[in-house]
mmCIF file of all heavy atoms, coordinates in Angstrom:
data_MODEL
# 
_entry.id   MODEL 
# 
loop_
_atom_site.group_PDB 
_atom_site.id 
_atom_site.type_symbol 
_atom_site.label_atom_id 
_atom_site.label_alt_id 
_atom_site.label_comp_id 
_atom_site.label_asym_id 
_atom_site.label_entity_id 
_atom_site.label_seq_id 
_atom_site.pdbx_PDB_ins_code 
_atom_site.Cartn_x 
_atom_site.Cartn_y 
_atom_site.Cartn_z 
_atom_site.occupancy 
_atom_site.B_iso_or_equiv 
_atom_site.pdbx_formal_charge 
_atom_site.auth_seq_id 
_atom_site.auth_comp_id 
_atom_site.auth_asym_id 
_atom_site.auth_atom_id 
_atom_site.pdbx_PDB_model_num 
ATOM 1   N N   . ALA A 1 1  ? 4.566  24.212 5.590  1.00 0.00 ? 1  ALA A N   1 
ATOM 2   C CA  . ALA A 1 1  ? 3.692  23.097 5.954  1.00 0.00 ? 1  ALA A CA  1 
ATOM 3   C C   . ALA A 1 1  ? 2.439  23.144 5.091  1.00 0.00 ? 1  ALA A C   1 
ATOM 4   O O   . ALA A 1 1  ? 1.898  24.218 4.784  1.00 0.00 ? 1  ALA A O   1 
ATOM 5   C CB  . ALA A 1 1  ? 3.317  23.158 7.429  1.00 0.00 ? 1  ALA A CB  1 
ATOM 6   N N   . SER A 1 2  ? 1.953  21.955 4.714  1.00 0.00 ? 2  SER A N   1 
ATOM 7   C CA  . SER A 1 2  ? 0.722  21.882 3.931  1.00 0.00 ? 2  SER A CA  1 
ATOM 8   C C   . SER A 1 2  ? -0.015 20.598 4.295  1.00 0.00 ? 2  SER A C   1 
ATOM 9   O O   . SER A 1 2  ? 0.540  19.700 4.932  1.00 0.00 ? 2  SER A O   1 
ATOM 10  C CB  . SER A 1 2  ? 1.028  21.904 2.432  1.00 0.00 ? 2  SER A CB  1 
ATOM 11  O OG  . SER A 1 2  ? 1.842  20.795 2.066  1.00 0.00 ? 2  SER A OG  1 
ATOM 12  N N   . GLY A 1 3  ? -1.288 20.522 3.913  1.00 0.00 ? 3  GLY A N   1 
ATOM 13  C CA  . GLY A 1 3  ? -2.078 19.339 4.224  1.00 0.00 ? 3  GLY A CA  1 
ATOM 14  C C   . GLY A 1 3  ? -2.415 19.192 5.678  1.00 0.00 ? 3  GLY A C   1 
ATOM 15  O O   . GLY A 1 3  ? -2.621 18.070 6.175  1.00 0.00 ? 3  GLY A O   1 
ATOM 16  N N   . MET A 1 4  ? -2.533 20.324 6.429  1.00 0.00 ? 4  MET A N   1 
ATOM 17  C CA  . MET A 1 4  ? -2.737 20.273 7.858  1.00 0.00 ? 4  MET A CA  1 
ATOM 18  C C   . MET A 1 4  ? -4.207 20.551 8.215  1.00 0.00 ? 4  MET A C   1 
ATOM 19  O O   . MET A 1 4  ? -4.927 21.193 7.506  1.00 0.00 ? 4  MET A O   1 
ATOM 20  C CB  . MET A 1 4  ? -1.843 21.303 8.550  1.00 0.00 ? 4  MET A CB  1 
ATOM 21  C CG  . MET A 1 4  ? -0.353 21.010 8.351  1.00 0.00 ? 4  MET A CG  1 
ATOM 22  S SD  . MET A 1 4  ? 0.108  19.362 8.910  1.00 0.00 ? 4  MET A SD  1 
ATOM 23  C CE  . MET A 1 4  ? 1.740  19.159 8.154  1.00 0.00 ? 4  MET A CE  1 
ATOM 24  N N   . ALA A 1 5  ? -4.585 20.015 9.424  1.00 0.00 ? 5  ALA A N   1 
ATOM 25  C CA  . ALA A 1 5  ? -5.962 20.164 9.872  1.00 0.00 ? 5  ALA A CA  1 
ATOM 26  C C   . ALA A 1 5  ? -6.103 20.897 11.194 1.00 0.00 ? 5  ALA A C   1 
ATOM 27  O O   . ALA A 1 5  ? -7.104 21.562 11.424 1.00 0.00 ? 5  ALA A O   1 
ATOM 28  C CB  . ALA A 1 5  ? -6.631 18.787 9.992  1.00 0.00 ? 5  ALA A CB  1 
ATOM 29  N N   . ASP A 1 6  ? -5.096 20.783 12.075 1.00 0.00 ? 6  ASP A N   1 
ATOM 30  C CA  . ASP A 1 6  ? -5.185 21.436 13.377 1.00 0.00 ? 6  ASP A CA  1 
ATOM 31  C C   . ASP A 1 6  ? -3.779 21.726 13.858 1.00 0.00 ? 6  ASP A C   1 
ATOM 32  O O   . ASP A 1 6  ? -2.791 21.066 13.471 1.00 0.00 ? 6  ASP A O   1 
ATOM 33  C CB  . ASP A 1 6  ? -5.932 20.549 14.381 1.00 0.00 ? 6  ASP A CB  1 
ATOM 34  C CG  . ASP A 1 6  ? -6.383 21.337 15.599 1.00 0.00 ? 6  ASP A CG  1 
ATOM 35  O OD1 . ASP A 1 6  ? -6.577 22.568 15.482 1.00 0.00 ? 6  ASP A OD1 1 
ATOM 36  O OD2 . ASP A 1 6  ? -6.545 20.746 16.669 1.00 0.00 ? 6  ASP A OD2 1 
ATOM 37  N N   . VAL A 1 7  ? -3.653 22.715 14.789 1.00 0.00 ? 7  VAL A N   1 
ATOM 38  C CA  . VAL A 1 7  ? -2.350 23.157 15.273 1.00 0.00 ? 7  VAL A CA  1 
ATOM 39  C C   . VAL A 1 7  ? -2.431 23.463 16.764 1.00 0.00 ? 7  VAL A C   1 
ATOM 40  O O   . VAL A 1 7  ? -3.438 23.946 17.268 1.00 0.00 ? 7  VAL A O   1 
ATOM 41  C CB  . VAL A 1 7  ? -1.867 24.406 14.495 1.00 0.00 ? 7  VAL A CB  1 
ATOM 42  C CG1 . VAL A 1 7  ? -2.854 25.563 14.618 1.00 0.00 ? 7  VAL A CG1 1 
ATOM 43  C CG2 . VAL A 1 7  ? -0.464 24.825 14.937 1.00 0.00 ? 7  VAL A CG2 1 
ATOM 44  N N   . ALA A 1 8  ? -1.328 23.165 17.486 1.00 0.00 ? 8  ALA A N   1 
ATOM 45  C CA  . ALA A 1 8  ? -1.175 23.520 18.894 1.00 0.00 ? 8  ALA A CA  1 
ATOM 46  C C   . ALA A 1 8  ? 0.270  23.927 19.099 1.00 0.00 ? 8  ALA A C   1 
ATOM 47  O O   . ALA A 1 8  ? 1.153  23.577 18.308 1.00 0.00 ? 8  ALA A O   1 
ATOM 48  C CB  . ALA A 1 8  ? -1.535 22.346 19.816 1.00 0.00 ? 8  ALA A CB  1 
ATOM 49  N N   . THR A 1 9  ? 0.555  24.682 20.164 1.00 0.00 ? 9  THR A N   1 
ATOM 50  C CA  . THR A 1 9  ? 1.889  25.215 20.392 1.00 0.00 ? 9  THR A CA  1 
ATOM 51  C C   . THR A 1 9  ? 2.387  24.873 21.780 1.00 0.00 ? 9  THR A C   1 
ATOM 52  O O   . THR A 1 9  ? 1.626  24.737 22.725 1.00 0.00 ? 9  THR A O   1 
ATOM 53  C CB  . THR A 1 9  ? 1.899  26.734 20.238 1.00 0.00 ? 9  THR A CB  1 
ATOM 54  O OG1 . THR A 1 9  ? 0.974  27.300 21.161 1.00 0.00 ? 9  THR A OG1 1 
ATOM 55  C CG2 . THR A 1 9  ? 1.478  27.147 18.824 1.00 0.00 ? 9  THR A CG2 1 
ATOM 56  N N   . GLY A 1 10 ? 3.735  24.734 21.894 1.00 0.00 ? 10 GLY A N   1 
ATOM 57  C CA  . GLY A 1 10 ? 4.370  24.484 23.183 1.00 0.00 ? 10 GLY A CA  1 
ATOM 58  C C   . GLY A 1 10 ? 4.912  25.767 23.780 1.00 0.00 ? 10 GLY A C   1 
ATOM 59  O O   . GLY A 1 10 ? 4.711  26.881 23.263 1.00 0.00 ? 10 GLY A O   1 
ATOM 60  N N   . ASN A 1 11 ? 5.650  25.615 24.894 1.00 0.00 ? 11 ASN A N   1 
ATOM 61  C CA  . ASN A 1 11 ? 6.138  26.778 25.616 1.00 0.00 ? 11 ASN A CA  1 
ATOM 62  C C   . ASN A 1 11 ? 7.398  27.393 25.028 1.00 0.00 ? 11 ASN A C   1 
ATOM 63  O O   . ASN A 1 11 ? 7.758  28.510 25.382 1.00 0.00 ? 11 ASN A O   1 
ATOM 64  C CB  . ASN A 1 11 ? 6.413  26.388 27.081 1.00 0.00 ? 11 ASN A CB  1 
ATOM 65  C CG  . ASN A 1 11 ? 5.130  26.255 27.888 1.00 0.00 ? 11 ASN A CG  1 
ATOM 66  O OD1 . ASN A 1 11 ? 4.129  26.869 27.586 1.00 0.00 ? 11 ASN A OD1 1 
ATOM 67  N ND2 . ASN A 1 11 ? 5.182  25.405 28.905 1.00 0.00 ? 11 ASN A ND2 1 
ATOM 68  N N   . ASN A 1 12 ? 8.102  26.695 24.160 1.00 0.00 ? 12 ASN A N   1 
ATOM 69  C CA  . ASN A 1 12 ? 9.361  27.191 23.634 1.00 0.00 ? 12 ASN A CA  1 
ATOM 70  C C   . ASN A 1 12 ? 9.360  27.310 22.116 1.00 0.00 ? 12 ASN A C   1 
ATOM 71  O O   . ASN A 1 12 ? 10.384 27.134 21.467 1.00 0.00 ? 12 ASN A O   1 
ATOM 72  C CB  . ASN A 1 12 ? 10.510 26.250 24.066 1.00 0.00 ? 12 ASN A CB  1 
ATOM 73  C CG  . ASN A 1 12 ? 10.671 26.223 25.582 1.00 0.00 ? 12 ASN A CG  1 
ATOM 74  O OD1 . ASN A 1 12 ? 10.953 27.256 26.214 1.00 0.00 ? 12 ASN A OD1 1 
ATOM 75  N ND2 . ASN A 1 12 ? 10.484 25.060 26.179 1.00 0.00 ? 12 ASN A ND2 1 
ATOM 76  N N   . GLY A 1 13 ? 8.195  27.613 21.576 1.00 0.00 ? 13 GLY A N   1 
ATOM 77  C CA  . GLY A 1 13 ? 8.112  27.803 20.140 1.00 0.00 ? 13 GLY A CA  1 
ATOM 78  C C   . GLY A 1 13 ? 7.820  26.550 19.347 1.00 0.00 ? 13 GLY A C   1 
ATOM 79  O O   . GLY A 1 13 ? 7.779  26.593 18.125 1.00 0.00 ? 13 GLY A O   1 
ATOM 80  N N   . GLN A 1 14 ? 7.619  25.422 20.038 1.00 0.00 ? 14 GLN A N   1 
ATOM 81  C CA  . GLN A 1 14 ? 7.298  24.190 19.308 1.00 0.00 ? 14 GLN A CA  1 
ATOM 82  C C   . GLN A 1 14 ? 5.932  24.284 18.693 1.00 0.00 ? 14 GLN A C   1 
ATOM 83  O O   . GLN A 1 14 ? 5.019  24.899 19.258 1.00 0.00 ? 14 GLN A O   1 
ATOM 84  C CB  . GLN A 1 14 ? 7.358  22.981 20.239 1.00 0.00 ? 14 GLN A CB  1 
ATOM 85  C CG  . GLN A 1 14 ? 8.649  22.807 21.011 1.00 0.00 ? 14 GLN A CG  1 
ATOM 86  C CD  . GLN A 1 14 ? 8.542  23.364 22.393 1.00 0.00 ? 14 GLN A CD  1 
ATOM 87  O OE1 . GLN A 1 14 ? 8.044  24.459 22.610 1.00 0.00 ? 14 GLN A OE1 1 
ATOM 88  N NE2 . GLN A 1 14 ? 9.011  22.597 23.367 1.00 0.00 ? 14 GLN A NE2 1 
ATOM 89  N N   . ILE A 1 15 ? 5.758  23.653 17.547 1.00 0.00 ? 15 ILE A N   1 
ATOM 90  C CA  . ILE A 1 15 ? 4.465  23.593 16.878 1.00 0.00 ? 15 ILE A CA  1 
ATOM 91  C C   . ILE A 1 15 ? 4.107  22.145 16.658 1.00 0.00 ? 15 ILE A C   1 
ATOM 92  O O   . ILE A 1 15 ? 4.912  21.357 16.162 1.00 0.00 ? 15 ILE A O   1 
ATOM 93  C CB  . ILE A 1 15 ? 4.508  24.329 15.526 1.00 0.00 ? 15 ILE A CB  1 
ATOM 94  C CG1 . ILE A 1 15 ? 5.025  25.749 15.698 1.00 0.00 ? 15 ILE A CG1 1 
ATOM 95  C CG2 . ILE A 1 15 ? 3.118  24.355 14.892 1.00 0.00 ? 15 ILE A CG2 1 
ATOM 96  C CD1 . ILE A 1 15 ? 5.321  26.427 14.380 1.00 0.00 ? 15 ILE A CD1 1 
ATOM 97  N N   . TYR A 1 16 ? 2.905  21.784 17.051 1.00 0.00 ? 16 TYR A N   1 
ATOM 98  C CA  . TYR A 1 16 ? 2.418  20.412 16.869 1.00 0.00 ? 16 TYR A CA  1 
ATOM 99  C C   . TYR A 1 16 ? 1.216  20.469 15.931 1.00 0.00 ? 16 TYR A C   1 
ATOM 100 O O   . TYR A 1 16 ? 0.326  21.303 16.099 1.00 0.00 ? 16 TYR A O   1 
ATOM 101 C CB  . TYR A 1 16 ? 1.996  19.808 18.208 1.00 0.00 ? 16 TYR A CB  1 
ATOM 102 C CG  . TYR A 1 16 ? 3.086  19.815 19.251 1.00 0.00 ? 16 TYR A CG  1 
ATOM 103 C CD1 . TYR A 1 16 ? 3.310  20.933 20.055 1.00 0.00 ? 16 TYR A CD1 1 
ATOM 104 C CD2 . TYR A 1 16 ? 3.908  18.706 19.432 1.00 0.00 ? 16 TYR A CD2 1 
ATOM 105 C CE1 . TYR A 1 16 ? 4.313  20.943 21.017 1.00 0.00 ? 16 TYR A CE1 1 
ATOM 106 C CE2 . TYR A 1 16 ? 4.917  18.699 20.383 1.00 0.00 ? 16 TYR A CE2 1 
ATOM 107 C CZ  . TYR A 1 16 ? 5.119  19.816 21.167 1.00 0.00 ? 16 TYR A CZ  1 
ATOM 108 O OH  . TYR A 1 16 ? 6.099  19.833 22.120 1.00 0.00 ? 16 TYR A OH  1 
ATOM 109 N N   . LEU A 1 17 ? 1.186  19.576 14.954 1.00 0.00 ? 17 LEU A N   1 
ATOM 110 C CA  . LEU A 1 17 ? 0.118  19.596 13.949 1.00 0.00 ? 17 LEU A CA  1 
ATOM 111 C C   . LEU A 1 17 ? -0.399 18.193 13.668 1.00 0.00 ? 17 LEU A C   1 
ATOM 112 O O   . LEU A 1 17 ? 0.339  17.213 13.808 1.00 0.00 ? 17 LEU A O   1 
ATOM 113 C CB  . LEU A 1 17 ? 0.633  20.183 12.640 1.00 0.00 ? 17 LEU A CB  1 
ATOM 114 C CG  . LEU A 1 17 ? 1.189  21.617 12.664 1.00 0.00 ? 17 LEU A CG  1 
ATOM 115 C CD1 . LEU A 1 17 ? 2.603  21.609 12.143 1.00 0.00 ? 17 LEU A CD1 1 
ATOM 116 C CD2 . LEU A 1 17 ? 0.328  22.529 11.841 1.00 0.00 ? 17 LEU A CD2 1 
ATOM 117 N N   . VAL A 1 18 ? -1.666 18.149 13.263 1.00 0.00 ? 18 VAL A N   1 
ATOM 118 C CA  . VAL A 1 18 ? -2.189 16.914 12.697 1.00 0.00 ? 18 VAL A CA  1 
ATOM 119 C C   . VAL A 1 18 ? -2.611 17.222 11.266 1.00 0.00 ? 18 VAL A C   1 
ATOM 120 O O   . VAL A 1 18 ? -3.127 18.302 10.966 1.00 0.00 ? 18 VAL A O   1 
ATOM 121 C CB  . VAL A 1 18 ? -3.370 16.346 13.494 1.00 0.00 ? 18 VAL A CB  1 
ATOM 122 C CG1 . VAL A 1 18 ? -2.882 15.823 14.834 1.00 0.00 ? 18 VAL A CG1 1 
ATOM 123 C CG2 . VAL A 1 18 ? -4.464 17.389 13.717 1.00 0.00 ? 18 VAL A CG2 1 
ATOM 124 N N   . GLY A 1 19 ? -2.329 16.272 10.375 1.00 0.00 ? 19 GLY A N   1 
ATOM 125 C CA  . GLY A 1 19 ? -2.653 16.460 8.975  1.00 0.00 ? 19 GLY A CA  1 
ATOM 126 C C   . GLY A 1 19 ? -4.074 16.062 8.657  1.00 0.00 ? 19 GLY A C   1 
ATOM 127 O O   . GLY A 1 19 ? -4.756 15.390 9.441  1.00 0.00 ? 19 GLY A O   1 
ATOM 128 N N   . THR A 1 20 ? -4.517 16.477 7.506  1.00 0.00 ? 20 THR A N   1 
ATOM 129 C CA  . THR A 1 20 ? -5.856 16.108 7.074  1.00 0.00 ? 20 THR A CA  1 
ATOM 130 C C   . THR A 1 20 ? -6.005 14.607 6.884  1.00 0.00 ? 20 THR A C   1 
ATOM 131 O O   . THR A 1 20 ? -7.115 14.068 6.891  1.00 0.00 ? 20 THR A O   1 
ATOM 132 C CB  . THR A 1 20 ? -6.208 16.821 5.748  1.00 0.00 ? 20 THR A CB  1 
ATOM 133 O OG1 . THR A 1 20 ? -5.168 16.539 4.779  1.00 0.00 ? 20 THR A OG1 1 
ATOM 134 C CG2 . THR A 1 20 ? -6.294 18.318 5.944  1.00 0.00 ? 20 THR A CG2 1 
ATOM 135 N N   . ASN A 1 21 ? -4.873 13.899 6.750  1.00 0.00 ? 21 ASN A N   1 
ATOM 136 C CA  . ASN A 1 21 ? -4.881 12.442 6.629  1.00 0.00 ? 21 ASN A CA  1 
ATOM 137 C C   . ASN A 1 21 ? -4.633 11.745 7.971  1.00 0.00 ? 21 ASN A C   1 
ATOM 138 O O   . ASN A 1 21 ? -4.392 10.542 8.008  1.00 0.00 ? 21 ASN A O   1 
ATOM 139 C CB  . ASN A 1 21 ? -3.852 11.981 5.606  1.00 0.00 ? 21 ASN A CB  1 
ATOM 140 C CG  . ASN A 1 21 ? -2.431 12.409 5.978  1.00 0.00 ? 21 ASN A CG  1 
ATOM 141 O OD1 . ASN A 1 21 ? -2.222 13.116 6.954  1.00 0.00 ? 21 ASN A OD1 1 
ATOM 142 N ND2 . ASN A 1 21 ? -1.472 11.978 5.183  1.00 0.00 ? 21 ASN A ND2 1 
ATOM 143 N N   . GLY A 1 22 ? -4.653 12.519 9.101  1.00 0.00 ? 22 GLY A N   1 
ATOM 144 C CA  . GLY A 1 22 ? -4.487 11.948 10.429 1.00 0.00 ? 22 GLY A CA  1 
ATOM 145 C C   . GLY A 1 22 ? -3.052 11.815 10.892 1.00 0.00 ? 22 GLY A C   1 
ATOM 146 O O   . GLY A 1 22 ? -2.792 11.317 11.994 1.00 0.00 ? 22 GLY A O   1 
ATOM 147 N N   . THR A 1 23 ? -2.085 12.253 10.108 1.00 0.00 ? 23 THR A N   1 
ATOM 148 C CA  . THR A 1 23 ? -0.674 12.161 10.493 1.00 0.00 ? 23 THR A CA  1 
ATOM 149 C C   . THR A 1 23 ? -0.337 13.210 11.558 1.00 0.00 ? 23 THR A C   1 
ATOM 150 O O   . THR A 1 23 ? -1.064 14.170 11.775 1.00 0.00 ? 23 THR A O   1 
ATOM 151 C CB  . THR A 1 23 ? 0.215  12.363 9.265  1.00 0.00 ? 23 THR A CB  1 
ATOM 152 O OG1 . THR A 1 23 ? -0.164 13.576 8.607  1.00 0.00 ? 23 THR A OG1 1 
ATOM 153 C CG2 . THR A 1 23 ? 0.083  11.189 8.321  1.00 0.00 ? 23 THR A CG2 1 
ATOM 154 N N   . PHE A 1 24 ? 0.822  12.997 12.211 1.00 0.00 ? 24 PHE A N   1 
ATOM 155 C CA  . PHE A 1 24 ? 1.259  13.876 13.313 1.00 0.00 ? 24 PHE A CA  1 
ATOM 156 C C   . PHE A 1 24 ? 2.578  14.512 12.925 1.00 0.00 ? 24 PHE A C   1 
ATOM 157 O O   . PHE A 1 24 ? 3.508  13.813 12.485 1.00 0.00 ? 24 PHE A O   1 
ATOM 158 C CB  . PHE A 1 24 ? 1.410  13.055 14.577 1.00 0.00 ? 24 PHE A CB  1 
ATOM 159 C CG  . PHE A 1 24 ? 1.858  13.849 15.776 1.00 0.00 ? 24 PHE A CG  1 
ATOM 160 C CD1 . PHE A 1 24 ? 0.939  14.541 16.541 1.00 0.00 ? 24 PHE A CD1 1 
ATOM 161 C CD2 . PHE A 1 24 ? 3.202  13.890 16.127 1.00 0.00 ? 24 PHE A CD2 1 
ATOM 162 C CE1 . PHE A 1 24 ? 1.355  15.280 17.644 1.00 0.00 ? 24 PHE A CE1 1 
ATOM 163 C CE2 . PHE A 1 24 ? 3.611  14.604 17.230 1.00 0.00 ? 24 PHE A CE2 1 
ATOM 164 C CZ  . PHE A 1 24 ? 2.691  15.314 17.984 1.00 0.00 ? 24 PHE A CZ  1 
# 
């Protein structure tokens, strides 16, 4: 992954990110 700004995690190993350009 690249171009990312923030990260959060779920209960089963999921990763959620927002990009520096506001993408999800």
